[in-house]
Structures are given as structure tokens and as C-alpha cells.
Amino acid sequence: MSTKYIEVGTIIVALIILWLLLVFIQNPIALIINSIIAIVIMFLLNAIFGLGIPINIITILIVAIGGIVGLLLIIILRLMKIAFV
């Protein structure tokens, strides 16, 4: 895979996350609920399916800020063995 595609994909993901954050900042209750649900799902995925996502300050911050989208990003990076290995 060319690095050009990875860079374009990274920019697209960053723009989607930025858009979602702007939407959630307008409604902070939705951001808090999304973050709590994502953190609970992350713990359950580790406990039930054994994904092996490390629970540390970095992953908690990504999931707390990004919510479900942040969790999906962590899972994708973990399964592709790019990060969180």
C-alpha cells in the first residue's frame, strides 16, 4: 500500500473526528455519554473477546475524547498491528 493512500486516509479520519468533536461540543451531555459508553465497550471487548487492547492513559484519553469513533480507530490500528500491539 502506498504511503499516499495512508496519508489521505489519515486526513479523512482526522476530519471526521474533528467534525464529530464539533458536533459533540455543542452538546456536552452527548459527549459525556458517548465517552462513557465507549470506555465501557472497550473494557467489555477486552474481557469478552480478548482483543488485547492495552488499558493505559493513552487509550483511555483517545476513547474518552473520540468516543465510539476513537474506539473504532484503536481497534482498527490494533488489528492491523500498526499501534497498540
PDB file of N, CA and C in Angstrom:
ATOM      1  N   MET A   1       0.840  -1.165   0.000  1.00  0.00           N
ATOM      2  CA  MET A   1       0.000   0.000   0.000  1.00  0.00           C
ATOM      3  C   MET A   1       0.891   1.235   0.000  1.00  0.00           C
ATOM      4  N   SER A   2       0.553   2.162  -0.839  1.00  0.00           N
ATOM      5  CA  SER A   2       1.341   3.380  -0.971  1.00  0.00           C
ATOM      6  C   SER A   2       1.132   4.281   0.243  1.00  0.00           C
ATOM      7  N   THR A   3       2.178   5.016   0.578  1.00  0.00           N
ATOM      8  CA  THR A   3       2.056   5.934   1.711  1.00  0.00           C
ATOM      9  C   THR A   3       1.099   7.071   1.396  1.00  0.00           C
ATOM     10  N   LYS A   4       0.894   7.350   0.111  1.00  0.00           N
ATOM     11  CA  LYS A   4      -0.043   8.403  -0.275  1.00  0.00           C
ATOM     12  C   LYS A   4      -1.453   8.048   0.208  1.00  0.00           C
ATOM     13  N   TYR A   5      -1.846   6.772   0.051  1.00  0.00           N
ATOM     14  CA  TYR A   5      -3.176   6.348   0.480  1.00  0.00           C
ATOM     15  C   TYR A   5      -3.311   6.397   1.999  1.00  0.00           C
ATOM     16  N   ILE A   6      -2.242   6.062   2.683  1.00  0.00           N
ATOM     17  CA  ILE A   6      -2.275   6.112   4.143  1.00  0.00           C
ATOM     18  C   ILE A   6      -2.420   7.554   4.614  1.00  0.00           C
ATOM     19  N   GLU A   7      -1.706   8.480   3.978  1.00  0.00           N
ATOM     20  CA  GLU A   7      -1.797   9.886   4.355  1.00  0.00           C
ATOM     21  C   GLU A   7      -3.189  10.439   4.079  1.00  0.00           C
ATOM     22  N   VAL A   8      -3.754  10.105   2.939  1.00  0.00           N
ATOM     23  CA  VAL A   8      -5.097  10.577   2.599  1.00  0.00           C
ATOM     24  C   VAL A   8      -6.115   9.988   3.574  1.00  0.00           C
ATOM     25  N   GLY A   9      -5.974   8.709   3.881  1.00  0.00           N
ATOM     26  CA  GLY A   9      -6.875   8.073   4.839  1.00  0.00           C
ATOM     27  C   GLY A   9      -6.778   8.702   6.214  1.00  0.00           C
ATOM     28  N   THR A  10      -5.560   9.027   6.632  1.00  0.00           N
ATOM     29  CA  THR A  10      -5.359   9.658   7.935  1.00  0.00           C
ATOM     30  C   THR A  10      -6.013  11.030   7.974  1.00  0.00           C
ATOM     31  N   ILE A  11      -5.893  11.790   6.909  1.00  0.00           N
ATOM     32  CA  ILE A  11      -6.514  13.116   6.846  1.00  0.00           C
ATOM     33  C   ILE A  11      -8.033  12.997   6.883  1.00  0.00           C
ATOM     34  N   ILE A  12      -8.579  12.033   6.168  1.00  0.00           N
ATOM     35  CA  ILE A  12     -10.031  11.839   6.168  1.00  0.00           C
ATOM     36  C   ILE A  12     -10.524  11.462   7.555  1.00  0.00           C
ATOM     37  N   VAL A  13      -9.822  10.547   8.218  1.00  0.00           N
ATOM     38  CA  VAL A  13     -10.213  10.143   9.576  1.00  0.00           C
ATOM     39  C   VAL A  13     -10.108  11.328  10.528  1.00  0.00           C
ATOM     40  N   ALA A  14      -9.058  12.125  10.411  1.00  0.00           N
ATOM     41  CA  ALA A  14      -8.894  13.294  11.279  1.00  0.00           C
ATOM     42  C   ALA A  14     -10.016  14.304  11.058  1.00  0.00           C
ATOM     43  N   LEU A  15     -10.423  14.511   9.818  1.00  0.00           N
ATOM     44  CA  LEU A  15     -11.512  15.450   9.541  1.00  0.00           C
ATOM     45  C   LEU A  15     -12.844  14.933  10.084  1.00  0.00           C
ATOM     46  N   ILE A  16     -13.072  13.643   9.981  1.00  0.00           N
ATOM     47  CA  ILE A  16     -14.302  13.071  10.532  1.00  0.00           C
ATOM     48  C   ILE A  16     -14.321  13.222  12.049  1.00  0.00           C
ATOM     49  N   ILE A  17     -13.201  12.946  12.686  1.00  0.00           N
ATOM     50  CA  ILE A  17     -13.124  13.087  14.143  1.00  0.00           C
ATOM     51  C   ILE A  17     -13.312  14.543  14.550  1.00  0.00           C
ATOM     52  N   LEU A  18     -12.708  15.460  13.810  1.00  0.00           N
ATOM     53  CA  LEU A  18     -12.877  16.884  14.104  1.00  0.00           C
ATOM     54  C   LEU A  18     -14.338  17.290  13.977  1.00  0.00           C
ATOM     55  N   TRP A  19     -14.989  16.826  12.919  1.00  0.00           N
ATOM     56  CA  TRP A  19     -16.401  17.149  12.736  1.00  0.00           C
ATOM     57  C   TRP A  19     -17.241  16.597  13.882  1.00  0.00           C
ATOM     58  N   LEU A  20     -16.979  15.347  14.271  1.00  0.00           N
ATOM     59  CA  LEU A  20     -17.731  14.744  15.377  1.00  0.00           C
ATOM     60  C   LEU A  20     -17.499  15.491  16.685  1.00  0.00           C
ATOM     61  N   LEU A  21     -16.272  15.902  16.923  1.00  0.00           N
ATOM     62  CA  LEU A  21     -15.986  16.665  18.148  1.00  0.00           C
ATOM     63  C   LEU A  21     -16.731  17.994  18.152  1.00  0.00           C
ATOM     64  N   LEU A  22     -16.785  18.655  17.001  1.00  0.00           N
ATOM     65  CA  LEU A  22     -17.513  19.918  16.931  1.00  0.00           C
ATOM     66  C   LEU A  22     -19.001  19.708  17.186  1.00  0.00           C
ATOM     67  N   VAL A  23     -19.546  18.625  16.682  1.00  0.00           N
ATOM     68  CA  VAL A  23     -20.959  18.323  16.918  1.00  0.00           C
ATOM     69  C   VAL A  23     -21.186  18.036  18.401  1.00  0.00           C
ATOM     70  N   PHE A  24     -20.297  17.253  19.019  1.00  0.00           N
ATOM     71  CA  PHE A  24     -20.482  16.890  20.411  1.00  0.00           C
ATOM     72  C   PHE A  24     -20.183  18.044  21.362  1.00  0.00           C
ATOM     73  N   ILE A  25     -19.312  18.962  20.981  1.00  0.00           N
ATOM     74  CA  ILE A  25     -19.009  20.101  21.857  1.00  0.00           C
ATOM     75  C   ILE A  25     -20.229  20.991  22.016  1.00  0.00           C
ATOM     76  N   GLN A  26     -21.051  21.033  20.982  1.00  0.00           N
ATOM     77  CA  GLN A  26     -22.270  21.833  21.072  1.00  0.00           C
ATOM     78  C   GLN A  26     -23.254  21.228  22.074  1.00  0.00           C
ATOM     79  N   ASN A  27     -23.138  19.945  22.319  1.00  0.00           N
ATOM     80  CA  ASN A  27     -23.976  19.272  23.294  1.00  0.00           C
ATOM     81  C   ASN A  27     -23.081  18.435  24.213  1.00  0.00           C
ATOM     82  N   PRO A  28     -22.586  19.020  25.311  1.00  0.00           N
ATOM     83  CA  PRO A  28     -21.614  18.312  26.149  1.00  0.00           C
ATOM     84  C   PRO A  28     -22.172  17.047  26.813  1.00  0.00           C
ATOM     85  N   ILE A  29     -23.470  16.989  27.056  1.00  0.00           N
ATOM     86  CA  ILE A  29     -24.051  15.786  27.656  1.00  0.00           C
ATOM     87  C   ILE A  29     -23.876  14.601  26.706  1.00  0.00           C
ATOM     88  N   ALA A  30     -24.075  14.827  25.414  1.00  0.00           N
ATOM     89  CA  ALA A  30     -23.895  13.760  24.424  1.00  0.00           C
ATOM     90  C   ALA A  30     -22.443  13.297  24.389  1.00  0.00           C
ATOM     91  N   LEU A  31     -21.497  14.221  24.525  1.00  0.00           N
ATOM     92  CA  LEU A  31     -20.079  13.868  24.544  1.00  0.00           C
ATOM     93  C   LEU A  31     -19.753  12.997  25.755  1.00  0.00           C
ATOM     94  N   ILE A  32     -20.286  13.357  26.898  1.00  0.00           N
ATOM     95  CA  ILE A  32     -20.024  12.592  28.114  1.00  0.00           C
ATOM     96  C   ILE A  32     -20.623  11.188  28.005  1.00  0.00           C
ATOM     97  N   ILE A  33     -21.848  11.096  27.519  1.00  0.00           N
ATOM     98  CA  ILE A  33     -22.497   9.790  27.374  1.00  0.00           C
ATOM     99  C   ILE A  33     -21.749   8.932  26.364  1.00  0.00           C
ATOM    100  N   ASN A  34     -21.348   9.532  25.242  1.00  0.00           N
ATOM    101  CA  ASN A  34     -20.605   8.810  24.212  1.00  0.00           C
ATOM    102  C   ASN A  34     -19.279   8.290  24.763  1.00  0.00           C
ATOM    103  N   SER A  35     -18.606   9.103  25.539  1.00  0.00           N
ATOM    104  CA  SER A  35     -17.318   8.703  26.113  1.00  0.00           C
ATOM    105  C   SER A  35     -17.481   7.558  27.109  1.00  0.00           C
ATOM    106  N   ILE A  36     -18.480   7.650  27.958  1.00  0.00           N
ATOM    107  CA  ILE A  36     -18.699   6.599  28.957  1.00  0.00           C
ATOM    108  C   ILE A  36     -19.066   5.284  28.280  1.00  0.00           C
ATOM    109  N   ILE A  37     -19.945   5.343  27.288  1.00  0.00           N
ATOM    110  CA  ILE A  37     -20.334   4.127  26.566  1.00  0.00           C
ATOM    111  C   ILE A  37     -19.126   3.508  25.873  1.00  0.00           C
ATOM    112  N   ALA A  38     -18.285   4.328  25.240  1.00  0.00           N
ATOM    113  CA  ALA A  38     -17.109   3.822  24.531  1.00  0.00           C
ATOM    114  C   ALA A  38     -16.115   3.175  25.491  1.00  0.00           C
ATOM    115  N   ILE A  39     -15.903   3.768  26.661  1.00  0.00           N
ATOM    116  CA  ILE A  39     -14.974   3.196  27.637  1.00  0.00           C
ATOM    117  C   ILE A  39     -15.500   1.853  28.150  1.00  0.00           C
ATOM    118  N   VAL A  40     -16.799   1.781  28.412  1.00  0.00           N
ATOM    119  CA  VAL A  40     -17.397   0.521  28.871  1.00  0.00           C
ATOM    120  C   VAL A  40     -17.265  -0.543  27.780  1.00  0.00           C
ATOM    121  N   ILE A  41     -17.535  -0.177  26.540  1.00  0.00           N
ATOM    122  CA  ILE A  41     -17.416  -1.125  25.429  1.00  0.00           C
ATOM    123  C   ILE A  41     -15.969  -1.607  25.292  1.00  0.00           C
ATOM    124  N   MET A  42     -15.004  -0.697  25.468  1.00  0.00           N
ATOM    125  CA  MET A  42     -13.606  -1.089  25.364  1.00  0.00           C
ATOM    126  C   MET A  42     -13.259  -2.134  26.432  1.00  0.00           C
ATOM    127  N   PHE A  43     -13.704  -1.920  27.664  1.00  0.00           N
ATOM    128  CA  PHE A  43     -13.444  -2.894  28.714  1.00  0.00           C
ATOM    129  C   PHE A  43     -14.132  -4.226  28.416  1.00  0.00           C
ATOM    130  N   LEU A  44     -15.359  -4.174  27.919  1.00  0.00           N
ATOM    131  CA  LEU A  44     -16.085  -5.402  27.602  1.00  0.00           C
ATOM    132  C   LEU A  44     -15.436  -6.156  26.444  1.00  0.00           C
ATOM    133  N   LEU A  45     -14.970  -5.435  25.426  1.00  0.00           N
ATOM    134  CA  LEU A  45     -14.301  -6.092  24.305  1.00  0.00           C
ATOM    135  C   LEU A  45     -13.039  -6.812  24.760  1.00  0.00           C
ATOM    136  N   ASN A  46     -12.314  -6.186  25.661  1.00  0.00           N
ATOM    137  CA  ASN A  46     -11.115  -6.835  26.198  1.00  0.00           C
ATOM    138  C   ASN A  46     -11.469  -8.047  27.038  1.00  0.00           C
ATOM    139  N   ALA A  47     -12.517  -7.928  27.840  1.00  0.00           N
ATOM    140  CA  ALA A  47     -12.885  -9.022  28.743  1.00  0.00           C
ATOM    141  C   ALA A  47     -13.524 -10.190  27.997  1.00  0.00           C
ATOM    142  N   ILE A  48     -14.416  -9.890  27.058  1.00  0.00           N
ATOM    143  CA  ILE A  48     -15.171 -10.956  26.395  1.00  0.00           C
ATOM    144  C   ILE A  48     -14.415 -11.540  25.213  1.00  0.00           C
ATOM    145  N   PHE A  49     -13.927 -10.669  24.331  1.00  0.00           N
ATOM    146  CA  PHE A  49     -13.300 -11.143  23.100  1.00  0.00           C
ATOM    147  C   PHE A  49     -11.784 -11.218  23.181  1.00  0.00           C
ATOM    148  N   GLY A  50     -11.201 -10.669  24.217  1.00  0.00           N
ATOM    149  CA  GLY A  50      -9.755 -10.728  24.391  1.00  0.00           C
ATOM    150  C   GLY A  50      -8.987 -10.046  23.272  1.00  0.00           C
ATOM    151  N   LEU A  51      -9.404  -8.839  22.893  1.00  0.00           N
ATOM    152  CA  LEU A  51      -8.718  -8.120  21.817  1.00  0.00           C
ATOM    153  C   LEU A  51      -7.292  -7.739  22.189  1.00  0.00           C
ATOM    154  N   GLY A  52      -7.017  -7.627  23.446  1.00  0.00           N
ATOM    155  CA  GLY A  52      -5.664  -7.302  23.874  1.00  0.00           C
ATOM    156  C   GLY A  52      -5.325  -5.829  23.742  1.00  0.00           C
ATOM    157  N   ILE A  53      -6.331  -4.981  23.757  1.00  0.00           N
ATOM    158  CA  ILE A  53      -6.082  -3.536  23.714  1.00  0.00           C
ATOM    159  C   ILE A  53      -5.533  -3.134  25.080  1.00  0.00           C
ATOM    160  N   PRO A  54      -4.354  -2.528  25.104  1.00  0.00           N
ATOM    161  CA  PRO A  54      -3.786  -2.140  26.397  1.00  0.00           C
ATOM    162  C   PRO A  54      -4.616  -1.024  27.037  1.00  0.00           C
ATOM    163  N   ILE A  55      -4.906  -1.177  28.296  1.00  0.00           N
ATOM    164  CA  ILE A  55      -5.639  -0.151  29.035  1.00  0.00           C
ATOM    165  C   ILE A  55      -4.601   0.723  29.722  1.00  0.00           C
ATOM    166  N   ASN A  56      -4.322   1.857  29.114  1.00  0.00           N
ATOM    167  CA  ASN A  56      -3.381   2.814  29.696  1.00  0.00           C
ATOM    168  C   ASN A  56      -3.926   4.217  29.471  1.00  0.00           C
ATOM    169  N   ILE A  57      -3.176   5.205  29.879  1.00  0.00           N
ATOM    170  CA  ILE A  57      -3.663   6.585  29.812  1.00  0.00           C
ATOM    171  C   ILE A  57      -3.900   7.031  28.370  1.00  0.00           C
ATOM    172  N   ILE A  58      -3.086   6.559  27.439  1.00  0.00           N
ATOM    173  CA  ILE A  58      -3.231   6.956  26.036  1.00  0.00           C
ATOM    174  C   ILE A  58      -4.539   6.420  25.461  1.00  0.00           C
ATOM    175  N   THR A  59      -4.806   5.139  25.649  1.00  0.00           N
ATOM    176  CA  THR A  59      -6.029   4.563  25.087  1.00  0.00           C
ATOM    177  C   THR A  59      -7.276   5.138  25.763  1.00  0.00           C
ATOM    178  N   ILE A  60      -7.206   5.353  27.062  1.00  0.00           N
ATOM    179  CA  ILE A  60      -8.348   5.940  27.769  1.00  0.00           C
ATOM    180  C   ILE A  60      -8.619   7.353  27.254  1.00  0.00           C
ATOM    181  N   LEU A  61      -7.572   8.156  27.044  1.00  0.00           N
ATOM    182  CA  LEU A  61      -7.764   9.512  26.528  1.00  0.00           C
ATOM    183  C   LEU A  61      -8.332   9.506  25.112  1.00  0.00           C
ATOM    184  N   ILE A  62      -7.826   8.620  24.269  1.00  0.00           N
ATOM    185  CA  ILE A  62      -8.338   8.546  22.894  1.00  0.00           C
ATOM    186  C   ILE A  62      -9.811   8.168  22.905  1.00  0.00           C
ATOM    187  N   VAL A  63     -10.170   7.193  23.712  1.00  0.00           N
ATOM    188  CA  VAL A  63     -11.566   6.758  23.767  1.00  0.00           C
ATOM    189  C   VAL A  63     -12.439   7.813  24.457  1.00  0.00           C
ATOM    190  N   ALA A  64     -11.923   8.470  25.477  1.00  0.00           N
ATOM    191  CA  ALA A  64     -12.706   9.489  26.170  1.00  0.00           C
ATOM    192  C   ALA A  64     -12.966  10.699  25.279  1.00  0.00           C
ATOM    193  N   ILE A  65     -11.992  11.074  24.490  1.00  0.00           N
ATOM    194  CA  ILE A  65     -12.166  12.231  23.606  1.00  0.00           C
ATOM    195  C   ILE A  65     -12.899  11.844  22.329  1.00  0.00           C
ATOM    196  N   GLY A  66     -12.528  10.721  21.748  1.00  0.00           N
ATOM    197  CA  GLY A  66     -13.108  10.322  20.473  1.00  0.00           C
ATOM    198  C   GLY A  66     -14.384   9.521  20.582  1.00  0.00           C
ATOM    199  N   GLY A  67     -14.656   8.962  21.749  1.00  0.00           N
ATOM    200  CA  GLY A  67     -15.870   8.178  21.916  1.00  0.00           C
ATOM    201  C   GLY A  67     -15.827   6.893  21.110  1.00  0.00           C
ATOM    202  N   ILE A  68     -16.944   6.564  20.495  1.00  0.00           N
ATOM    203  CA  ILE A  68     -17.056   5.340  19.706  1.00  0.00           C
ATOM    204  C   ILE A  68     -16.107   5.384  18.515  1.00  0.00           C
ATOM    205  N   VAL A  69     -15.968   6.550  17.902  1.00  0.00           N
ATOM    206  CA  VAL A  69     -15.048   6.685  16.760  1.00  0.00           C
ATOM    207  C   VAL A  69     -13.611   6.445  17.200  1.00  0.00           C
ATOM    208  N   GLY A  70     -13.236   6.969  18.351  1.00  0.00           N
ATOM    209  CA  GLY A  70     -11.901   6.728  18.881  1.00  0.00           C
ATOM    210  C   GLY A  70     -11.664   5.260  19.187  1.00  0.00           C
ATOM    211  N   LEU A  71     -12.675   4.602  19.719  1.00  0.00           N
ATOM    212  CA  LEU A  71     -12.566   3.175  19.995  1.00  0.00           C
ATOM    213  C   LEU A  71     -12.406   2.380  18.703  1.00  0.00           C
ATOM    214  N   LEU A  72     -13.175   2.716  17.684  1.00  0.00           N
ATOM    215  CA  LEU A  72     -13.039   2.041  16.393  1.00  0.00           C
ATOM    216  C   LEU A  72     -11.649   2.252  15.805  1.00  0.00           C
ATOM    217  N   LEU A  73     -11.127   3.455  15.951  1.00  0.00           N
ATOM    218  CA  LEU A  73      -9.775   3.742  15.466  1.00  0.00           C
ATOM    219  C   LEU A  73      -8.742   2.889  16.192  1.00  0.00           C
ATOM    220  N   ILE A  74      -8.868   2.762  17.489  1.00  0.00           N
ATOM    221  CA  ILE A  74      -7.945   1.934  18.262  1.00  0.00           C
ATOM    222  C   ILE A  74      -8.050   0.472  17.848  1.00  0.00           C
ATOM    223  N   ILE A  75      -9.276  -0.014  17.658  1.00  0.00           N
ATOM    224  CA  ILE A  75      -9.465  -1.413  17.258  1.00  0.00           C
ATOM    225  C   ILE A  75      -8.860  -1.661  15.884  1.00  0.00           C
ATOM    226  N   ILE A  76      -9.087  -0.750  14.949  1.00  0.00           N
ATOM    227  CA  ILE A  76      -8.527  -0.909  13.596  1.00  0.00           C
ATOM    228  C   ILE A  76      -7.008  -0.900  13.640  1.00  0.00           C
ATOM    229  N   LEU A  77      -6.431   0.048  14.369  1.00  0.00           N
ATOM    230  CA  LEU A  77      -4.965   0.114  14.474  1.00  0.00           C
ATOM    231  C   LEU A  77      -4.409  -1.123  15.163  1.00  0.00           C
ATOM    232  N   ARG A  78      -5.122  -1.647  16.132  1.00  0.00           N
ATOM    233  CA  ARG A  78      -4.681  -2.862  16.848  1.00  0.00           C
ATOM    234  C   ARG A  78      -4.740  -4.085  15.930  1.00  0.00           C
ATOM    235  N   LEU A  79      -5.823  -4.236  15.183  1.00  0.00           N
ATOM    236  CA  LEU A  79      -5.969  -5.392  14.313  1.00  0.00           C
ATOM    237  C   LEU A  79      -4.999  -5.351  13.128  1.00  0.00           C
ATOM    238  N   MET A  80      -4.653  -4.135  12.669  1.00  0.00           N
ATOM    239  CA  MET A  80      -3.681  -4.013  11.576  1.00  0.00           C
ATOM    240  C   MET A  80      -2.256  -4.056  12.091  1.00  0.00           C
ATOM    241  N   LYS A  81      -2.094  -4.148  13.413  1.00  0.00           N
ATOM    242  CA  LYS A  81      -0.786  -4.205  14.083  1.00  0.00           C
ATOM    243  C   LYS A  81       0.087  -2.983  13.763  1.00  0.00           C
ATOM    244  N   ILE A  82      -0.579  -1.829  13.693  1.00  0.00           N
ATOM    245  CA  ILE A  82       0.139  -0.570  13.477  1.00  0.00           C
ATOM    246  C   ILE A  82       0.467   0.074  14.823  1.00  0.00           C
ATOM    247  N   ALA A  83      -0.476   0.005  15.746  1.00  0.00           N
ATOM    248  CA  ALA A  83      -0.263   0.604  17.075  1.00  0.00           C
ATOM    249  C   ALA A  83      -0.966  -0.257  18.113  1.00  0.00           C
ATOM    250  N   PHE A  84      -0.671  -0.017  19.369  1.00  0.00           N
ATOM    251  CA  PHE A  84      -1.286  -0.717  20.497  1.00  0.00           C
ATOM    252  C   PHE A  84      -1.033  -2.224  20.427  1.00  0.00           C
ATOM    253  N   VAL A  85       0.136  -2.603  19.991  1.00  0.00           N
ATOM    254  CA  VAL A  85       0.487  -4.016  19.855  1.00  0.00           C
ATOM    255  C   VAL A  85       1.089  -4.511  21.152  1.00  0.00           C
TER     256      VAL A  85
END
